[in-house]
Amino acid sequence: MTYLSIGLRVLLTLVFVGSGGAKLIGVPEMVEGFETLGSGQWFRYFTGLVEVVGATLLWWPNRQAFGASLLGATMIGATLIHWFIIGPSAVPAIILGLLCAAVLYLYRGQVTAILRSS
């Protein structure tokens, strides 16, 4: 299970640091995508920051579940935006969301520990 966890986290980190970084530095395709969305460029910066922070949390001790949850919630939002606003395909967001769910499942003990301490 350790190799699976590391493999999933490496993959998610590469994807989300790349995607989030592209949003933060203003890659033209990202700028155009958020213009199409109509949310303004502040949302591009916010989304990029969430993606980079979420990827970082995947490697922070006892914070992997939080990072996976943050990234998974972002992918739920991305899926809905693709389905209802910009199209054409939400498949990449769905796949990334499922990978985030797998990491969350692997680190589910962190969630129960937080809930018990509350």
N, C-alpha and C. Protein backbone atom coordinates (compact mmCIF):
# COMPACT_ATOMS: atom_id res chain seq x y z
N MET A 1 0.82 -1.19 0.00
CA MET A 1 0.00 0.00 0.00
C MET A 1 0.87 1.26 0.00
N THR A 2 2.05 1.19 0.55
CA THR A 2 2.93 2.35 0.59
C THR A 2 3.31 2.79 -0.82
N TYR A 3 3.64 1.83 -1.69
CA TYR A 3 4.01 2.17 -3.06
C TYR A 3 2.83 2.77 -3.82
N LEU A 4 1.64 2.25 -3.59
CA LEU A 4 0.45 2.79 -4.21
C LEU A 4 0.22 4.24 -3.77
N SER A 5 0.35 4.47 -2.48
CA SER A 5 0.17 5.82 -1.95
C SER A 5 1.18 6.78 -2.55
N ILE A 6 2.42 6.39 -2.57
CA ILE A 6 3.47 7.26 -3.12
C ILE A 6 3.23 7.50 -4.61
N GLY A 7 2.90 6.46 -5.33
CA GLY A 7 2.65 6.61 -6.77
C GLY A 7 1.50 7.56 -7.06
N LEU A 8 0.40 7.40 -6.33
CA LEU A 8 -0.75 8.29 -6.54
C LEU A 8 -0.41 9.73 -6.17
N ARG A 9 0.30 9.91 -5.08
CA ARG A 9 0.65 11.26 -4.65
C ARG A 9 1.63 11.93 -5.62
N VAL A 10 2.57 11.15 -6.15
CA VAL A 10 3.51 11.71 -7.14
C VAL A 10 2.73 12.15 -8.38
N LEU A 11 1.86 11.29 -8.87
CA LEU A 11 1.07 11.62 -10.06
C LEU A 11 0.22 12.88 -9.83
N LEU A 12 -0.50 12.90 -8.71
CA LEU A 12 -1.34 14.06 -8.41
C LEU A 12 -0.52 15.33 -8.22
N THR A 13 0.63 15.20 -7.60
CA THR A 13 1.50 16.36 -7.40
C THR A 13 1.97 16.92 -8.73
N LEU A 14 2.42 16.05 -9.62
CA LEU A 14 2.88 16.51 -10.93
C LEU A 14 1.77 17.23 -11.69
N VAL A 15 0.58 16.64 -11.67
CA VAL A 15 -0.55 17.23 -12.40
C VAL A 15 -0.95 18.57 -11.79
N PHE A 16 -1.14 18.60 -10.47
CA PHE A 16 -1.68 19.80 -9.85
C PHE A 16 -0.65 20.92 -9.71
N VAL A 17 0.61 20.61 -9.50
CA VAL A 17 1.62 21.67 -9.49
C VAL A 17 1.77 22.24 -10.90
N GLY A 18 1.72 21.36 -11.90
CA GLY A 18 1.79 21.83 -13.28
C GLY A 18 0.60 22.70 -13.65
N SER A 19 -0.58 22.21 -13.35
CA SER A 19 -1.80 22.95 -13.68
C SER A 19 -1.94 24.22 -12.85
N GLY A 20 -1.70 24.10 -11.56
CA GLY A 20 -1.79 25.27 -10.69
C GLY A 20 -0.74 26.30 -11.03
N GLY A 21 0.46 25.84 -11.32
CA GLY A 21 1.53 26.75 -11.72
C GLY A 21 1.20 27.48 -13.02
N ALA A 22 0.62 26.75 -13.96
CA ALA A 22 0.22 27.36 -15.24
C ALA A 22 -0.83 28.45 -15.00
N LYS A 23 -1.73 28.21 -14.08
CA LYS A 23 -2.75 29.22 -13.75
C LYS A 23 -2.09 30.43 -13.10
N LEU A 24 -1.17 30.20 -12.19
CA LEU A 24 -0.55 31.30 -11.45
C LEU A 24 0.36 32.17 -12.33
N ILE A 25 1.06 31.55 -13.28
CA ILE A 25 1.95 32.35 -14.13
C ILE A 25 1.23 32.95 -15.33
N GLY A 26 -0.01 32.55 -15.56
CA GLY A 26 -0.80 33.17 -16.62
C GLY A 26 -0.60 32.60 -18.00
N VAL A 27 -0.48 31.28 -18.10
CA VAL A 27 -0.40 30.64 -19.41
C VAL A 27 -1.64 31.06 -20.21
N PRO A 28 -1.46 31.49 -21.46
CA PRO A 28 -2.59 32.03 -22.23
C PRO A 28 -3.84 31.13 -22.29
N GLU A 29 -3.65 29.82 -22.39
CA GLU A 29 -4.80 28.92 -22.43
C GLU A 29 -5.59 28.97 -21.12
N MET A 30 -4.89 29.13 -20.02
CA MET A 30 -5.57 29.23 -18.72
C MET A 30 -6.32 30.55 -18.61
N VAL A 31 -5.68 31.61 -19.05
CA VAL A 31 -6.32 32.92 -19.01
C VAL A 31 -7.59 32.91 -19.86
N GLU A 32 -7.50 32.34 -21.06
CA GLU A 32 -8.67 32.26 -21.95
C GLU A 32 -9.77 31.40 -21.34
N GLY A 33 -9.39 30.29 -20.72
CA GLY A 33 -10.39 29.42 -20.10
C GLY A 33 -11.18 30.11 -19.01
N PHE A 34 -10.50 30.88 -18.19
CA PHE A 34 -11.19 31.59 -17.11
C PHE A 34 -11.97 32.80 -17.64
N GLU A 35 -11.53 33.36 -18.76
CA GLU A 35 -12.31 34.41 -19.41
C GLU A 35 -13.62 33.82 -19.93
N THR A 36 -13.54 32.64 -20.54
CA THR A 36 -14.74 31.95 -21.03
C THR A 36 -15.69 31.65 -19.88
N LEU A 37 -15.13 31.26 -18.76
CA LEU A 37 -15.93 30.96 -17.58
C LEU A 37 -16.66 32.21 -17.09
N GLY A 38 -16.04 33.35 -17.26
CA GLY A 38 -16.66 34.61 -16.86
C GLY A 38 -16.52 34.94 -15.39
N SER A 39 -15.61 34.28 -14.71
CA SER A 39 -15.45 34.50 -13.27
C SER A 39 -14.43 35.58 -12.94
N GLY A 40 -13.68 35.99 -13.92
CA GLY A 40 -12.62 36.95 -13.67
C GLY A 40 -11.31 36.24 -13.37
N GLN A 41 -10.23 36.98 -13.49
CA GLN A 41 -8.92 36.36 -13.31
C GLN A 41 -8.57 36.09 -11.85
N TRP A 42 -9.25 36.71 -10.91
CA TRP A 42 -9.00 36.42 -9.50
C TRP A 42 -9.27 34.94 -9.22
N PHE A 43 -10.27 34.38 -9.90
CA PHE A 43 -10.62 32.97 -9.68
C PHE A 43 -9.55 32.05 -10.24
N ARG A 44 -8.87 32.47 -11.29
CA ARG A 44 -7.75 31.70 -11.85
C ARG A 44 -6.63 31.64 -10.82
N TYR A 45 -6.30 32.78 -10.23
CA TYR A 45 -5.25 32.81 -9.20
C TYR A 45 -5.65 31.97 -7.99
N PHE A 46 -6.89 32.10 -7.56
CA PHE A 46 -7.38 31.33 -6.42
C PHE A 46 -7.30 29.83 -6.69
N THR A 47 -7.77 29.41 -7.86
CA THR A 47 -7.75 27.99 -8.21
C THR A 47 -6.32 27.47 -8.30
N GLY A 48 -5.44 28.24 -8.91
CA GLY A 48 -4.03 27.84 -9.00
C GLY A 48 -3.40 27.68 -7.63
N LEU A 49 -3.70 28.61 -6.73
CA LEU A 49 -3.18 28.53 -5.37
C LEU A 49 -3.72 27.31 -4.63
N VAL A 50 -5.00 27.04 -4.77
CA VAL A 50 -5.61 25.86 -4.13
C VAL A 50 -4.95 24.59 -4.65
N GLU A 51 -4.70 24.52 -5.95
CA GLU A 51 -4.08 23.32 -6.52
C GLU A 51 -2.66 23.12 -6.01
N VAL A 52 -1.88 24.17 -5.94
CA VAL A 52 -0.50 24.04 -5.46
C VAL A 52 -0.47 23.72 -3.97
N VAL A 53 -1.32 24.37 -3.18
CA VAL A 53 -1.38 24.09 -1.74
C VAL A 53 -1.86 22.66 -1.51
N GLY A 54 -2.89 22.23 -2.24
CA GLY A 54 -3.38 20.86 -2.10
C GLY A 54 -2.31 19.82 -2.42
N ALA A 55 -1.55 20.07 -3.49
CA ALA A 55 -0.47 19.16 -3.85
C ALA A 55 0.62 19.13 -2.78
N THR A 56 0.90 20.28 -2.19
CA THR A 56 1.89 20.35 -1.11
C THR A 56 1.42 19.55 0.10
N LEU A 57 0.14 19.67 0.42
CA LEU A 57 -0.40 18.96 1.59
C LEU A 57 -0.36 17.45 1.43
N LEU A 58 -0.30 16.96 0.20
CA LEU A 58 -0.19 15.51 -0.01
C LEU A 58 1.10 14.95 0.57
N TRP A 59 2.09 15.81 0.81
CA TRP A 59 3.38 15.38 1.33
C TRP A 59 3.63 15.83 2.76
N TRP A 60 2.73 16.62 3.30
CA TRP A 60 2.86 17.12 4.66
C TRP A 60 2.41 16.01 5.62
N PRO A 61 3.21 15.68 6.63
CA PRO A 61 2.82 14.60 7.55
C PRO A 61 1.45 14.85 8.20
N ASN A 62 0.63 13.84 8.18
CA ASN A 62 -0.71 13.85 8.76
C ASN A 62 -1.65 14.88 8.12
N ARG A 63 -1.37 15.29 6.91
CA ARG A 63 -2.24 16.23 6.20
C ARG A 63 -2.62 15.71 4.82
N GLN A 64 -2.26 14.48 4.50
CA GLN A 64 -2.53 13.93 3.17
C GLN A 64 -4.03 13.87 2.88
N ALA A 65 -4.82 13.51 3.88
CA ALA A 65 -6.28 13.42 3.68
C ALA A 65 -6.85 14.80 3.39
N PHE A 66 -6.35 15.82 4.06
CA PHE A 66 -6.83 17.17 3.82
C PHE A 66 -6.46 17.64 2.41
N GLY A 67 -5.23 17.35 2.00
CA GLY A 67 -4.80 17.72 0.65
C GLY A 67 -5.63 17.01 -0.41
N ALA A 68 -5.87 15.71 -0.23
CA ALA A 68 -6.68 14.96 -1.18
C ALA A 68 -8.11 15.48 -1.21
N SER A 69 -8.64 15.85 -0.06
CA SER A 69 -10.00 16.41 0.00
C SER A 69 -10.08 17.75 -0.72
N LEU A 70 -9.09 18.58 -0.49
CA LEU A 70 -9.06 19.89 -1.14
C LEU A 70 -8.99 19.75 -2.66
N LEU A 71 -8.11 18.88 -3.12
CA LEU A 71 -7.98 18.67 -4.56
C LEU A 71 -9.22 17.98 -5.14
N GLY A 72 -9.78 17.04 -4.40
CA GLY A 72 -11.00 16.36 -4.85
C GLY A 72 -12.17 17.32 -4.98
N ALA A 73 -12.31 18.22 -4.02
CA ALA A 73 -13.38 19.22 -4.09
C ALA A 73 -13.17 20.14 -5.29
N THR A 74 -11.93 20.46 -5.58
CA THR A 74 -11.63 21.27 -6.75
C THR A 74 -12.03 20.54 -8.03
N MET A 75 -11.82 19.24 -8.07
CA MET A 75 -12.19 18.47 -9.25
C MET A 75 -13.70 18.30 -9.38
N ILE A 76 -14.40 18.28 -8.27
CA ILE A 76 -15.87 18.27 -8.34
C ILE A 76 -16.34 19.57 -8.99
N GLY A 77 -15.77 20.68 -8.55
CA GLY A 77 -16.10 21.97 -9.15
C GLY A 77 -15.73 22.02 -10.62
N ALA A 78 -14.57 21.50 -10.98
CA ALA A 78 -14.14 21.49 -12.38
C ALA A 78 -15.08 20.64 -13.23
N THR A 79 -15.50 19.50 -12.69
CA THR A 79 -16.44 18.64 -13.42
C THR A 79 -17.75 19.37 -13.68
N LEU A 80 -18.29 20.00 -12.67
CA LEU A 80 -19.55 20.73 -12.84
C LEU A 80 -19.41 21.88 -13.82
N ILE A 81 -18.30 22.59 -13.76
CA ILE A 81 -18.08 23.70 -14.69
C ILE A 81 -17.99 23.19 -16.12
N HIS A 82 -17.30 22.08 -16.32
CA HIS A 82 -17.21 21.50 -17.67
C HIS A 82 -18.58 21.03 -18.16
N TRP A 83 -19.35 20.39 -17.29
CA TRP A 83 -20.65 19.88 -17.70
C TRP A 83 -21.63 21.00 -18.05
N PHE A 84 -21.66 22.04 -17.24
CA PHE A 84 -22.73 23.02 -17.36
C PHE A 84 -22.34 24.35 -18.00
N ILE A 85 -21.04 24.65 -18.09
CA ILE A 85 -20.67 25.98 -18.58
C ILE A 85 -19.77 25.92 -19.80
N ILE A 86 -18.59 25.32 -19.68
CA ILE A 86 -17.62 25.46 -20.76
C ILE A 86 -17.46 24.23 -21.64
N GLY A 87 -17.83 23.03 -21.16
CA GLY A 87 -17.63 21.84 -21.97
C GLY A 87 -16.17 21.64 -22.28
N PRO A 88 -15.75 20.88 -23.22
CA PRO A 88 -16.50 19.83 -23.88
C PRO A 88 -16.46 18.52 -23.10
N SER A 89 -15.39 18.27 -22.35
CA SER A 89 -15.27 16.98 -21.67
C SER A 89 -14.79 17.17 -20.23
N ALA A 90 -15.47 16.49 -19.33
CA ALA A 90 -15.09 16.54 -17.93
C ALA A 90 -14.31 15.29 -17.51
N VAL A 91 -13.96 14.44 -18.47
CA VAL A 91 -13.31 13.17 -18.14
C VAL A 91 -12.00 13.36 -17.37
N PRO A 92 -11.10 14.28 -17.78
CA PRO A 92 -9.87 14.43 -16.98
C PRO A 92 -10.16 14.84 -15.53
N ALA A 93 -11.10 15.73 -15.32
CA ALA A 93 -11.43 16.15 -13.96
C ALA A 93 -12.02 15.00 -13.16
N ILE A 94 -12.83 14.18 -13.80
CA ILE A 94 -13.43 13.03 -13.12
C ILE A 94 -12.34 12.03 -12.72
N ILE A 95 -11.42 11.75 -13.63
CA ILE A 95 -10.34 10.81 -13.33
C ILE A 95 -9.47 11.32 -12.19
N LEU A 96 -9.11 12.61 -12.25
CA LEU A 96 -8.30 13.18 -11.17
C LEU A 96 -9.06 13.17 -9.84
N GLY A 97 -10.35 13.43 -9.90
CA GLY A 97 -11.17 13.36 -8.69
C GLY A 97 -11.19 11.97 -8.09
N LEU A 98 -11.27 10.96 -8.95
CA LEU A 98 -11.24 9.57 -8.46
C LEU A 98 -9.88 9.22 -7.85
N LEU A 99 -8.80 9.72 -8.44
CA LEU A 99 -7.47 9.49 -7.86
C LEU A 99 -7.34 10.18 -6.51
N CYS A 100 -7.92 11.37 -6.38
CA CYS A 100 -7.94 12.06 -5.09
C CYS A 100 -8.74 11.26 -4.07
N ALA A 101 -9.85 10.69 -4.51
CA ALA A 101 -10.67 9.87 -3.62
C ALA A 101 -9.89 8.63 -3.16
N ALA A 102 -9.07 8.07 -4.03
CA ALA A 102 -8.26 6.91 -3.65
C ALA A 102 -7.25 7.28 -2.58
N VAL A 103 -6.61 8.44 -2.74
CA VAL A 103 -5.65 8.90 -1.72
C VAL A 103 -6.39 9.17 -0.40
N LEU A 104 -7.54 9.79 -0.49
CA LEU A 104 -8.34 10.04 0.71
C LEU A 104 -8.69 8.73 1.40
N TYR A 105 -9.03 7.72 0.64
CA TYR A 105 -9.35 6.40 1.21
C TYR A 105 -8.12 5.81 1.91
N LEU A 106 -6.97 5.92 1.28
CA LEU A 106 -5.75 5.37 1.87
C LEU A 106 -5.38 6.05 3.19
N TYR A 107 -5.76 7.32 3.31
CA TYR A 107 -5.43 8.09 4.51
C TYR A 107 -6.67 8.39 5.35
N ARG A 108 -7.67 7.55 5.25
CA ARG A 108 -8.93 7.76 5.97
C ARG A 108 -8.73 7.76 7.49
N GLY A 109 -7.69 7.15 7.97
CA GLY A 109 -7.39 7.15 9.40
C GLY A 109 -7.15 8.56 9.93
N GLN A 110 -6.62 9.44 9.09
CA GLN A 110 -6.41 10.83 9.50
C GLN A 110 -7.74 11.53 9.75
N VAL A 111 -8.73 11.21 8.93
CA VAL A 111 -10.05 11.83 9.07
C VAL A 111 -10.69 11.38 10.37
N THR A 112 -10.65 10.09 10.65
CA THR A 112 -11.26 9.59 11.88
C THR A 112 -10.53 10.13 13.11
N ALA A 113 -9.21 10.30 13.02
CA ALA A 113 -8.46 10.86 14.15
C ALA A 113 -8.88 12.30 14.43
N ILE A 114 -9.12 13.07 13.38
CA ILE A 114 -9.55 14.46 13.56
C ILE A 114 -10.96 14.48 14.14
N LEU A 115 -11.83 13.62 13.65
CA LEU A 115 -13.20 13.60 14.15
C LEU A 115 -13.27 13.16 15.60
N ARG A 116 -12.40 12.24 16.00
CA ARG A 116 -12.38 11.79 17.39
C ARG A 116 -11.89 12.87 18.34
N SER A 117 -10.96 13.69 17.85
CA SER A 117 -10.42 14.74 18.73
C SER A 117 -11.36 15.93 18.88
N SER A 118 -12.36 16.00 18.03
CA SER A 118 -13.30 17.14 18.09
C SER A 118 -14.34 16.95 19.14
